[in-house]
């Protein structure tokens, strides 16, 4: 038997010759490869404080930032991001008495968490489950005052199901290559050349329900602390 932990199971799995009637060697090796990065990143089975409860995060005037820059494994990043989305959505989508304030959940670099291209079947199944959760949150979130926002510089790499759920789209200036890729996934209400010449801090906002009336806005604060190059 093995220690009652993910690391214990991983160690047991590596050191055990499984009966071929239970699992093939190929299946065993696939499980080892899948679990190894999660064990190495110490996502589970670690001492310390437990994750902050979603109810504590949902306080008026509160801004919570989940930094992932120290995590080097994309699968581990997705586990954490999907866990946070699930925690907050599960609270807000049952908030019939308005016990919690309106919430805007911003997912930066969303194409990393909801990628268009997935080559691993197990990873694909996991991401699809997360997409179904996200679809429910976007459809039901309005009546519970939950807003999901997806930010990406590579919309062509974002899963089509995510793009379909988005109602209001904000476009900032981009390169000609980015504009060309954008046209492949979104019906632009403006000429792509307008995006390549859009001044810094200006943006085009439009709704799918009213795409014939795009609005140009001025963002009143700098978006970046470093110069933006369109070359």
Foldseek 3Di string as FASTA:
>chain_A
DFDPWLVRVLVCLVPDDDDVVVPNPVVSVVVNVVSVLVVVVPPDDDDDDDDDQLVVQQAPPHDDDDDDVVPDDLVSVLVVVLVNLCRNLVVLLPPPVPPGDQEEAEDEQQLSNQFQDDDDPVVVVVSVVSLVSVLVCLVRVVVSNYHYHYHHLQVLGGHLSVVVSDFKDKAAAAAPVSLVSVVVRDVQLDDSVCRPPHDFQKIWMDGPVGRVDIDIDGHPDHPDPDDDDRD
